[in-house]
Protein backbone atom coordinates (compact mmCIF):
# COMPACT_ATOMS: atom_id res chain seq x y z
CA UNK A 1 83.12 67.16 136.98
CA UNK A 2 81.98 64.97 133.97
CA UNK A 3 83.18 64.45 131.15
CA UNK A 4 79.80 65.04 128.51
CA UNK A 5 79.62 68.35 131.52
CA UNK A 6 83.24 69.15 129.98
CA UNK A 7 82.18 68.33 126.47
CA UNK A 8 79.48 70.50 126.75
CA UNK A 9 81.19 73.71 127.67
CA UNK A 10 83.58 72.79 125.30
CA UNK A 11 81.04 72.80 122.82
CA UNK A 12 79.70 76.20 123.59
CA UNK A 13 80.35 79.61 121.40
CA UNK A 14 83.81 80.97 122.84
CA UNK A 15 82.60 84.28 122.01
CA UNK A 16 84.01 87.18 120.99
CA UNK A 17 87.39 87.79 120.35
CA UNK A 18 90.17 90.21 118.06
CA UNK A 19 89.98 88.82 114.47
CA UNK A 20 93.48 90.49 112.41
CA UNK A 21 91.45 91.93 109.04
CA UNK A 22 92.55 94.49 106.12
CA UNK A 23 89.08 95.90 104.61
CA UNK A 24 91.24 97.46 101.63
CA UNK A 25 93.14 95.45 99.09
CA UNK A 26 93.23 95.66 95.56
CA UNK A 27 93.81 93.10 92.99
CA UNK A 28 94.93 93.59 89.11
CA UNK A 29 91.45 94.18 89.03
CA UNK A 30 91.95 97.85 89.16
CA UNK A 31 93.38 99.22 85.83
CA UNK A 32 95.93 100.79 88.28
CA UNK A 33 97.75 97.60 89.46
CA UNK A 34 101.32 98.01 86.84
CA UNK A 35 101.17 101.42 87.86
CA UNK A 36 102.57 99.96 91.75
CA UNK A 37 104.44 96.73 90.39
CA UNK A 38 108.08 95.98 88.51
CA UNK A 39 106.97 94.11 86.19
CA UNK A 40 107.55 90.54 87.62
CA UNK A 41 104.98 91.75 89.71
CA UNK A 42 102.19 92.64 86.32
CA UNK A 43 98.35 92.05 86.59
CA UNK A 44 99.11 88.90 83.50
CA UNK A 45 101.44 87.34 86.36
CA UNK A 46 99.53 87.68 89.64
CA UNK A 47 96.61 84.82 90.68
CA UNK A 48 94.06 84.51 93.21
CA UNK A 49 96.37 81.97 95.14
CA UNK A 50 98.81 84.94 95.32
CA UNK A 51 96.77 87.29 96.87
CA UNK A 52 95.57 84.60 99.50
CA UNK A 53 98.14 83.41 100.41
CA UNK A 54 99.88 86.75 101.24
CA UNK A 55 96.62 87.71 103.37
CA UNK A 56 98.16 84.43 105.16
CA UNK A 57 101.58 84.97 105.30
CA UNK A 58 101.20 88.15 107.37
CA UNK A 59 98.53 86.91 110.04
CA UNK A 60 95.21 88.09 107.88
CA UNK A 61 91.82 86.25 109.71
CA UNK A 62 89.46 89.16 107.45
CA UNK A 63 90.19 90.73 103.81
CA UNK A 64 88.02 92.55 102.38
CA UNK A 65 88.71 93.35 97.64
CA UNK A 66 88.16 96.39 97.07
CA UNK A 67 89.20 97.15 93.70
CA UNK A 68 88.28 100.18 91.79
CA UNK A 69 85.15 100.14 90.93
CA UNK A 70 85.57 95.99 90.25
CA UNK A 71 84.43 92.89 91.52
CA UNK A 72 86.14 91.49 88.62
CA UNK A 73 88.36 88.75 91.03
CA UNK A 74 85.89 88.58 94.09
CA UNK A 75 84.63 85.15 93.34
CA UNK A 76 88.08 83.23 92.20
CA UNK A 77 90.12 84.94 95.76
CA UNK A 78 86.90 83.40 97.95
CA UNK A 79 87.57 80.42 96.01
CA UNK A 80 91.23 80.22 96.32
CA UNK A 81 90.53 81.07 100.26
CA UNK A 82 88.19 78.04 100.60
CA UNK A 83 89.23 76.21 103.05
CA UNK A 84 92.60 77.85 104.22
CA UNK A 85 90.81 79.42 107.17
CA UNK A 86 91.00 83.26 105.60
CA UNK A 87 87.50 84.43 105.16
CA UNK A 88 87.04 87.33 102.44
CA UNK A 89 84.84 89.49 101.56
CA UNK A 90 83.48 90.75 98.47
CA UNK A 91 83.66 94.61 97.82
CA UNK A 92 84.69 97.56 95.66
CA UNK A 93 86.51 101.11 95.85
CA UNK A 94 83.64 102.59 94.70
CA UNK A 95 84.68 106.69 92.71
CA UNK A 96 81.19 108.54 93.79
CA UNK A 97 81.12 111.79 91.04
CA UNK A 98 83.20 114.74 92.10
CA UNK A 99 85.75 112.14 92.91
CA UNK A 100 84.83 110.81 96.01
CA UNK A 101 86.45 107.15 97.10
CA UNK A 102 84.08 104.77 98.89
CA UNK A 103 84.90 101.27 100.05
CA UNK A 104 81.28 99.20 99.86
CA UNK A 105 81.71 96.17 101.46
CA UNK A 106 79.59 93.04 101.15
CA UNK A 107 78.81 89.58 103.00
CA UNK A 108 80.68 86.55 101.86
CA UNK A 109 78.18 85.05 100.13
CA UNK A 110 76.74 88.36 98.43
CA UNK A 111 76.43 87.02 94.50
CA UNK A 112 78.99 88.55 92.12
CA UNK A 113 76.73 89.33 89.84
CA UNK A 114 74.45 91.14 91.86
CA UNK A 115 77.18 93.43 92.36
CA UNK A 116 78.10 93.78 88.65
CA UNK A 117 74.73 95.02 88.48
CA UNK A 118 75.12 96.99 90.97
CA UNK A 119 77.68 98.80 89.87
CA UNK A 120 76.47 99.55 86.06
CA UNK A 121 73.01 101.00 87.79
CA UNK A 122 75.57 103.05 89.77
CA UNK A 123 76.80 104.17 86.19
CA UNK A 124 80.05 102.62 86.66
CA UNK A 125 80.42 101.17 82.38
CA UNK A 126 84.27 100.86 82.88
CA UNK A 127 85.23 98.25 85.82
CA UNK A 128 88.76 98.51 87.62
CA UNK A 129 89.12 102.38 86.28
CA UNK A 130 89.19 104.55 88.84
CA UNK A 131 88.34 107.60 87.26
CA UNK A 132 85.52 106.66 86.07
CA UNK A 133 82.99 108.26 88.46
CA UNK A 134 79.19 107.50 89.35
CA UNK A 135 76.66 109.12 87.55
CA UNK A 136 75.32 111.05 91.21
CA UNK A 137 76.87 113.64 92.98
CA UNK A 138 77.46 112.69 96.27
CA UNK A 139 77.99 117.01 97.19
CA UNK A 140 74.44 117.22 96.64
CA UNK A 141 71.49 116.45 99.67
CA UNK A 142 69.10 116.97 98.22
CA UNK A 143 68.61 113.18 96.77
CA UNK A 144 69.17 112.47 100.52
CA UNK A 145 72.32 110.88 99.63
CA UNK A 146 70.85 108.00 97.98
CA UNK A 147 74.01 106.84 96.31
CA UNK A 148 74.60 105.35 99.85
CA UNK A 149 71.19 104.63 100.58
CA UNK A 150 71.32 102.12 97.55
CA UNK A 151 74.84 100.67 98.34
CA UNK A 152 73.29 99.95 101.73
CA UNK A 153 69.95 98.95 100.56
CA UNK A 154 72.38 96.16 98.89
CA UNK A 155 73.61 95.19 102.10
CA UNK A 156 77.03 96.58 102.07
CA UNK A 157 78.47 98.23 104.70
CA UNK A 158 79.85 101.63 103.65
CA UNK A 159 83.72 103.23 104.83
CA UNK A 160 84.63 106.25 103.55
CA UNK A 161 87.73 105.27 102.03
CA UNK A 162 91.32 106.90 103.10
CA UNK A 163 89.17 110.53 103.82
CA UNK A 164 91.88 113.28 104.58
CA UNK A 165 93.76 112.03 101.38
CA UNK A 166 93.04 114.34 97.49
CA UNK A 167 90.64 111.25 96.53
CA UNK A 168 88.93 110.88 100.50
CA UNK A 169 85.94 112.87 101.26
CA UNK A 170 87.62 115.53 103.52
CA UNK A 171 90.28 115.64 100.90
CA UNK A 172 88.49 116.61 97.75
CA UNK A 173 85.76 118.38 99.04
CA UNK A 174 87.97 120.62 101.76
CA UNK A 175 86.24 119.95 104.75
CA UNK A 176 83.53 122.49 105.29
CA UNK A 177 79.90 122.48 105.62
CA UNK A 178 79.20 119.28 103.15
CA UNK A 179 80.80 117.46 104.43
CA UNK A 180 79.94 117.76 108.18
CA UNK A 181 76.26 117.65 106.15
CA UNK A 182 77.65 114.77 104.32
CA UNK A 183 78.49 112.50 108.01
CA UNK A 184 75.40 114.05 109.66
CA UNK A 185 73.12 112.86 107.30
CA UNK A 186 74.30 109.24 105.92
CA UNK A 187 75.31 108.66 109.91
CA UNK A 188 78.71 106.41 108.18
CA UNK A 189 80.43 106.43 110.89
CA UNK A 190 82.91 103.98 109.90
CA UNK A 191 86.41 106.06 108.01
CA UNK A 192 89.06 105.00 106.93
CA UNK A 193 92.20 107.48 107.80
CA UNK A 194 94.97 107.79 104.71
CA UNK A 195 97.70 109.65 107.48
CA UNK A 196 95.87 111.54 110.14
CA UNK A 197 92.46 112.36 111.67
CA UNK A 198 91.20 115.78 110.10
CA UNK A 199 90.64 118.68 112.82
CA UNK A 200 86.85 118.54 112.77
CA UNK A 201 87.05 115.49 113.68
CA UNK A 202 89.14 115.64 115.75
CA UNK A 203 87.48 118.16 117.92
CA UNK A 204 84.52 115.99 117.34
CA UNK A 205 85.87 112.49 118.92
CA UNK A 206 86.88 114.98 121.94
CA UNK A 207 83.51 115.46 122.92
CA UNK A 208 81.93 111.98 122.56
CA UNK A 209 85.00 109.35 121.28
CA UNK A 210 82.82 106.78 120.32
CA UNK A 211 81.57 108.66 117.31
CA UNK A 212 83.64 107.35 114.65
CA UNK A 213 85.40 104.23 114.57
CA UNK A 214 88.46 105.43 112.49
CA UNK A 215 90.37 102.80 110.53
CA UNK A 216 93.18 101.91 108.89
CA UNK A 217 93.74 100.11 105.58
CA UNK A 218 96.72 99.02 103.41
CA UNK A 219 95.08 100.02 100.41
CA UNK A 220 97.10 98.04 98.56
CA UNK A 221 98.22 97.30 95.15
CA UNK A 222 101.40 94.99 95.89
CA UNK A 223 101.50 92.19 97.27
CA UNK A 224 104.19 92.78 99.88
CA UNK A 225 101.60 95.73 101.04
CA UNK A 226 98.88 93.54 101.93
CA UNK A 227 98.43 93.94 105.94
CA UNK A 228 100.71 96.32 106.07
CA UNK A 229 98.20 98.89 107.99
CA UNK A 230 96.35 95.55 110.02
CA UNK A 231 93.44 96.59 112.17
CA UNK A 232 92.23 93.77 114.92
CA UNK A 233 88.26 93.66 114.75
CA UNK A 234 86.73 92.36 118.07
CA UNK A 235 83.93 89.77 116.56
CA UNK A 236 81.78 86.68 117.25
CA UNK A 237 83.32 85.65 113.83
CA UNK A 238 84.87 87.49 111.31
CA UNK A 239 82.24 88.82 109.05
CA UNK A 240 80.14 91.88 107.74
CA UNK A 241 78.44 91.32 110.61
CA UNK A 242 81.14 92.00 113.09
CA UNK A 243 82.46 95.28 111.18
CA UNK A 244 79.59 97.09 110.69
CA UNK A 245 79.91 96.63 115.31
CA UNK A 246 82.28 99.10 115.28
CA UNK A 247 79.63 102.13 114.16
CA UNK A 248 78.23 101.05 117.67
CA UNK A 249 81.18 99.76 119.70
CA UNK A 250 84.21 101.54 117.83
CA UNK A 251 85.84 101.96 121.59
CA UNK A 252 85.40 98.21 122.24
CA UNK A 253 85.78 96.96 119.22
CA UNK A 254 88.51 98.32 117.20
CA UNK A 255 92.80 97.94 118.16
CA UNK A 256 95.41 99.54 116.46
CA UNK A 257 98.26 97.49 118.23
CA UNK A 258 99.52 93.56 117.62
CA UNK A 259 96.92 91.89 119.87
CA UNK A 260 99.21 88.82 120.16
CA UNK A 261 102.78 90.91 121.28
CA UNK A 262 101.18 94.38 121.71
CA UNK A 263 103.55 96.04 119.49
CA UNK A 264 102.52 98.99 117.92
CA UNK A 265 101.80 99.73 114.08
CA UNK A 266 103.68 101.58 112.66
């Protein structure tokens, strides 16, 4: 085989592979950062470079910055990650009335100014405050869940956050018909769990194992917690498109095990 043929083969796209990701990372833009940290790691002592380095140190290749109702640190972290190999996606953890948290993750080139305007449009006027909620109520289906549609139309992948916990949609609405209606009507099939998969999802997954992509996320509010609940996503490239593909192929594209040494994550 000639050198030219070998060179051509090697230059082709290598195909999909697993990338280590953490899609739920907070920064000092979240006003509860200091509550989780000792004084030496309070918000006035943390830099974007430290967030990037902490991610690289644990082998992450793709992260999403999802502060409470804020994108104020996204641009600086994206800039800090340039030339490092770490892909950073902007986003936010939106507090939707009556207190349900949704992760909204956007393409890496999404203008941050547009995301600030989007937050304002949704009724968020105090960036970083998890207790501020959207004007629209997510449990009223009469709007056809407009808030979810608006986020999707803006280019977001929507991931209901830690759904089983108190600020997750299942925990907040105590399961029931309102939760089932939400998932049925919005088709949000990529979800994050805090501790355990809710019972109704377990039953639905028994009937259709491809119905939901169940993610873990660090929900890190400290440098030490970044990557602690990492996942591996099979993608052509680490980007928003690769994440969105989880909705269609969760069994083949999502792994909760360490790829290199097959060590199970806690």
